[in-house]
Amino acid sequence: MKKNNLSELTDEELVVKKKKLKKTKTINAFLIGFLASIIVIAVVSSIYGKNYSILIPLLFPIYFIYRIVGNSNKNKELEALLKKRGI
């Protein structure tokens, strides 16, 4: 039986979720850095290479960064519950 409410989870289940959250944060930070570097490379190459088709290389990384940040905001409830319980 899957529990949807975080407050109903036991401390052991919250510890597992905390480990998964830490791993997810690390992966998200790496992806955001990687996508930001793609944006920087696209801007620099468009400035020095006189390439005016910069729109597509910028839109995809910006969209994915937006999605990653939006998904990470959903974890604030879990972090608040962990802090409340002192885990």
N, C-alpha and C. Protein backbone atom coordinates (compact mmCIF):
# COMPACT_ATOMS: atom_id res chain seq x y z
N MET A 1 0.84 -1.17 0.00
CA MET A 1 0.00 0.00 0.00
C MET A 1 0.90 1.24 0.00
N LYS A 2 0.69 2.11 -0.96
CA LYS A 2 1.52 3.30 -1.10
C LYS A 2 0.91 4.45 -0.31
N LYS A 3 1.76 5.10 0.48
CA LYS A 3 1.30 6.23 1.27
C LYS A 3 1.59 7.52 0.50
N ASN A 4 0.58 8.33 0.29
CA ASN A 4 0.76 9.56 -0.47
C ASN A 4 1.12 10.73 0.44
N ASN A 5 0.67 10.69 1.67
CA ASN A 5 0.91 11.80 2.59
C ASN A 5 2.25 11.59 3.29
N LEU A 6 3.11 12.59 3.22
CA LEU A 6 4.44 12.46 3.81
C LEU A 6 4.40 12.36 5.32
N SER A 7 3.42 12.98 5.94
CA SER A 7 3.36 12.96 7.40
C SER A 7 3.01 11.58 7.94
N GLU A 8 2.48 10.72 7.11
CA GLU A 8 2.13 9.36 7.54
C GLU A 8 3.32 8.40 7.46
N LEU A 9 4.42 8.82 6.86
CA LEU A 9 5.58 7.95 6.71
C LEU A 9 6.32 7.79 8.03
N THR A 10 6.93 6.62 8.19
CA THR A 10 7.74 6.38 9.38
C THR A 10 9.10 7.05 9.21
N ASP A 11 9.85 7.09 10.31
CA ASP A 11 11.18 7.71 10.25
C ASP A 11 12.11 6.96 9.31
N GLU A 12 12.01 5.64 9.27
CA GLU A 12 12.87 4.85 8.39
C GLU A 12 12.57 5.16 6.93
N GLU A 13 11.30 5.29 6.60
CA GLU A 13 10.93 5.62 5.22
C GLU A 13 11.38 7.02 4.85
N LEU A 14 11.35 7.92 5.82
CA LEU A 14 11.82 9.28 5.56
C LEU A 14 13.33 9.33 5.35
N VAL A 15 14.06 8.47 6.06
CA VAL A 15 15.51 8.40 5.87
C VAL A 15 15.83 7.95 4.45
N VAL A 16 15.07 6.97 3.95
CA VAL A 16 15.27 6.49 2.58
C VAL A 16 14.97 7.62 1.59
N LYS A 17 13.90 8.34 1.82
CA LYS A 17 13.55 9.46 0.95
C LYS A 17 14.59 10.56 1.02
N LYS A 18 15.18 10.75 2.20
CA LYS A 18 16.21 11.77 2.37
C LYS A 18 17.45 11.42 1.55
N LYS A 19 17.84 10.15 1.55
CA LYS A 19 18.99 9.72 0.76
C LYS A 19 18.72 9.91 -0.73
N LYS A 20 17.51 9.56 -1.15
CA LYS A 20 17.14 9.73 -2.55
C LYS A 20 17.11 11.21 -2.93
N LEU A 21 16.66 12.05 -2.00
CA LEU A 21 16.60 13.49 -2.24
C LEU A 21 18.00 14.07 -2.40
N LYS A 22 18.94 13.60 -1.59
CA LYS A 22 20.32 14.09 -1.67
C LYS A 22 20.94 13.70 -3.01
N LYS A 23 20.70 12.48 -3.45
CA LYS A 23 21.22 12.03 -4.73
C LYS A 23 20.59 12.83 -5.88
N THR A 24 19.31 13.09 -5.78
CA THR A 24 18.61 13.86 -6.81
C THR A 24 19.14 15.29 -6.88
N LYS A 25 19.41 15.88 -5.72
CA LYS A 25 19.96 17.24 -5.70
C LYS A 25 21.32 17.30 -6.38
N THR A 26 22.15 16.30 -6.15
CA THR A 26 23.48 16.26 -6.76
C THR A 26 23.37 16.14 -8.28
N ILE A 27 22.51 15.27 -8.74
CA ILE A 27 22.32 15.08 -10.18
C ILE A 27 21.75 16.35 -10.80
N ASN A 28 20.78 16.98 -10.14
CA ASN A 28 20.20 18.22 -10.66
C ASN A 28 21.23 19.32 -10.75
N ALA A 29 22.09 19.43 -9.75
CA ALA A 29 23.14 20.46 -9.78
C ALA A 29 24.09 20.22 -10.94
N PHE A 30 24.45 18.98 -11.18
CA PHE A 30 25.32 18.65 -12.31
C PHE A 30 24.64 19.01 -13.63
N LEU A 31 23.38 18.64 -13.78
CA LEU A 31 22.66 18.92 -15.02
C LEU A 31 22.50 20.43 -15.26
N ILE A 32 22.21 21.17 -14.22
CA ILE A 32 22.07 22.62 -14.38
C ILE A 32 23.41 23.23 -14.80
N GLY A 33 24.50 22.79 -14.21
CA GLY A 33 25.82 23.28 -14.61
C GLY A 33 26.15 22.93 -16.04
N PHE A 34 25.84 21.71 -16.44
CA PHE A 34 26.08 21.27 -17.81
C PHE A 34 25.27 22.10 -18.80
N LEU A 35 24.00 22.30 -18.50
CA LEU A 35 23.14 23.07 -19.41
C LEU A 35 23.54 24.55 -19.44
N ALA A 36 23.98 25.07 -18.30
CA ALA A 36 24.45 26.46 -18.28
C ALA A 36 25.71 26.60 -19.12
N SER A 37 26.57 25.59 -19.11
CA SER A 37 27.77 25.66 -19.94
C SER A 37 27.41 25.61 -21.42
N ILE A 38 26.38 24.88 -21.78
CA ILE A 38 25.91 24.86 -23.17
C ILE A 38 25.43 26.26 -23.57
N ILE A 39 24.74 26.93 -22.67
CA ILE A 39 24.26 28.28 -22.96
C ILE A 39 25.44 29.23 -23.16
N VAL A 40 26.44 29.14 -22.30
CA VAL A 40 27.62 30.01 -22.42
C VAL A 40 28.35 29.74 -23.73
N ILE A 41 28.53 28.49 -24.08
CA ILE A 41 29.22 28.14 -25.32
C ILE A 41 28.43 28.66 -26.52
N ALA A 42 27.11 28.54 -26.49
CA ALA A 42 26.29 29.02 -27.60
C ALA A 42 26.40 30.53 -27.75
N VAL A 43 26.39 31.25 -26.64
CA VAL A 43 26.49 32.70 -26.70
C VAL A 43 27.86 33.14 -27.20
N VAL A 44 28.92 32.53 -26.66
CA VAL A 44 30.27 32.90 -27.08
C VAL A 44 30.50 32.56 -28.55
N SER A 45 30.05 31.39 -28.98
CA SER A 45 30.25 31.02 -30.38
C SER A 45 29.43 31.91 -31.31
N SER A 46 28.29 32.39 -30.85
CA SER A 46 27.50 33.27 -31.71
C SER A 46 28.12 34.66 -31.79
N ILE A 47 28.79 35.09 -30.73
CA ILE A 47 29.43 36.40 -30.74
C ILE A 47 30.66 36.39 -31.64
N TYR A 48 31.50 35.38 -31.47
CA TYR A 48 32.76 35.35 -32.21
C TYR A 48 32.64 34.68 -33.57
N GLY A 49 31.65 33.84 -33.73
CA GLY A 49 31.50 33.14 -34.99
C GLY A 49 30.51 33.79 -35.93
N LYS A 50 29.91 34.87 -35.49
CA LYS A 50 28.90 35.59 -36.28
C LYS A 50 27.76 34.67 -36.69
N ASN A 51 27.42 33.77 -35.81
CA ASN A 51 26.31 32.85 -36.03
C ASN A 51 25.08 33.46 -35.38
N TYR A 52 24.10 33.82 -36.18
CA TYR A 52 22.93 34.50 -35.65
C TYR A 52 21.78 33.55 -35.31
N SER A 53 21.96 32.28 -35.50
CA SER A 53 20.91 31.32 -35.15
C SER A 53 21.16 30.80 -33.74
N ILE A 54 21.07 31.68 -32.78
CA ILE A 54 21.35 31.34 -31.39
C ILE A 54 20.09 30.90 -30.64
N LEU A 55 18.95 31.12 -31.22
CA LEU A 55 17.69 30.89 -30.52
C LEU A 55 17.51 29.44 -30.08
N ILE A 56 17.72 28.48 -30.96
CA ILE A 56 17.49 27.07 -30.63
C ILE A 56 18.48 26.56 -29.60
N PRO A 57 19.80 26.85 -29.72
CA PRO A 57 20.71 26.35 -28.67
C PRO A 57 20.45 26.96 -27.31
N LEU A 58 19.75 28.07 -27.25
CA LEU A 58 19.44 28.67 -25.96
C LEU A 58 18.12 28.19 -25.38
N LEU A 59 17.14 27.95 -26.22
CA LEU A 59 15.81 27.61 -25.71
C LEU A 59 15.76 26.25 -25.03
N PHE A 60 16.39 25.24 -25.60
CA PHE A 60 16.33 23.91 -25.01
C PHE A 60 16.97 23.86 -23.62
N PRO A 61 18.20 24.36 -23.46
CA PRO A 61 18.78 24.32 -22.10
C PRO A 61 18.00 25.16 -21.10
N ILE A 62 17.51 26.32 -21.52
CA ILE A 62 16.73 27.16 -20.61
C ILE A 62 15.45 26.44 -20.18
N TYR A 63 14.80 25.76 -21.10
CA TYR A 63 13.58 25.02 -20.78
C TYR A 63 13.87 23.89 -19.79
N PHE A 64 14.94 23.14 -20.03
CA PHE A 64 15.26 22.03 -19.13
C PHE A 64 15.69 22.52 -17.75
N ILE A 65 16.42 23.64 -17.69
CA ILE A 65 16.77 24.21 -16.40
C ILE A 65 15.51 24.62 -15.65
N TYR A 66 14.56 25.22 -16.36
CA TYR A 66 13.28 25.61 -15.75
C TYR A 66 12.55 24.40 -15.18
N ARG A 67 12.54 23.30 -15.92
CA ARG A 67 11.86 22.08 -15.45
C ARG A 67 12.56 21.47 -14.24
N ILE A 68 13.89 21.47 -14.24
CA ILE A 68 14.63 20.90 -13.11
C ILE A 68 14.39 21.72 -11.85
N VAL A 69 14.44 23.04 -11.98
CA VAL A 69 14.21 23.90 -10.82
C VAL A 69 12.77 23.77 -10.34
N GLY A 70 11.83 23.66 -11.25
CA GLY A 70 10.42 23.50 -10.87
C GLY A 70 10.18 22.20 -10.13
N ASN A 71 10.83 21.13 -10.56
CA ASN A 71 10.68 19.85 -9.87
C ASN A 71 11.36 19.85 -8.52
N SER A 72 12.44 20.58 -8.37
CA SER A 72 13.13 20.59 -7.09
C SER A 72 12.36 21.39 -6.05
N ASN A 73 11.50 22.30 -6.48
CA ASN A 73 10.69 23.05 -5.53
C ASN A 73 9.62 22.18 -4.87
N LYS A 74 9.27 21.07 -5.48
CA LYS A 74 8.28 20.16 -4.91
C LYS A 74 8.82 19.43 -3.68
N ASN A 75 10.13 19.40 -3.52
CA ASN A 75 10.74 18.67 -2.41
C ASN A 75 10.81 19.49 -1.13
N LYS A 76 10.35 20.71 -1.15
CA LYS A 76 10.42 21.57 0.03
C LYS A 76 9.56 21.02 1.18
N GLU A 77 8.44 20.39 0.84
CA GLU A 77 7.58 19.81 1.88
C GLU A 77 8.32 18.68 2.60
N LEU A 78 9.02 17.85 1.84
CA LEU A 78 9.80 16.76 2.45
C LEU A 78 10.91 17.32 3.33
N GLU A 79 11.60 18.34 2.87
CA GLU A 79 12.67 18.94 3.67
C GLU A 79 12.12 19.55 4.96
N ALA A 80 10.95 20.18 4.88
CA ALA A 80 10.35 20.77 6.07
C ALA A 80 9.96 19.69 7.08
N LEU A 81 9.43 18.59 6.59
CA LEU A 81 9.05 17.48 7.49
C LEU A 81 10.28 16.86 8.12
N LEU A 82 11.35 16.70 7.36
CA LEU A 82 12.59 16.15 7.91
C LEU A 82 13.16 17.07 8.99
N LYS A 83 13.09 18.35 8.77
CA LYS A 83 13.59 19.31 9.75
C LYS A 83 12.72 19.30 11.00
N LYS A 84 11.41 19.18 10.80
CA LYS A 84 10.47 19.16 11.93
C LYS A 84 10.70 17.95 12.83
N ARG A 85 10.95 16.80 12.19
CA ARG A 85 11.18 15.58 12.97
C ARG A 85 12.61 15.44 13.45
N GLY A 86 13.51 16.29 12.95
CA GLY A 86 14.89 16.23 13.39
C GLY A 86 15.68 15.10 12.79
N ILE A 87 15.34 14.74 11.59
CA ILE A 87 16.02 13.62 10.91
C ILE A 87 17.12 14.18 10.04
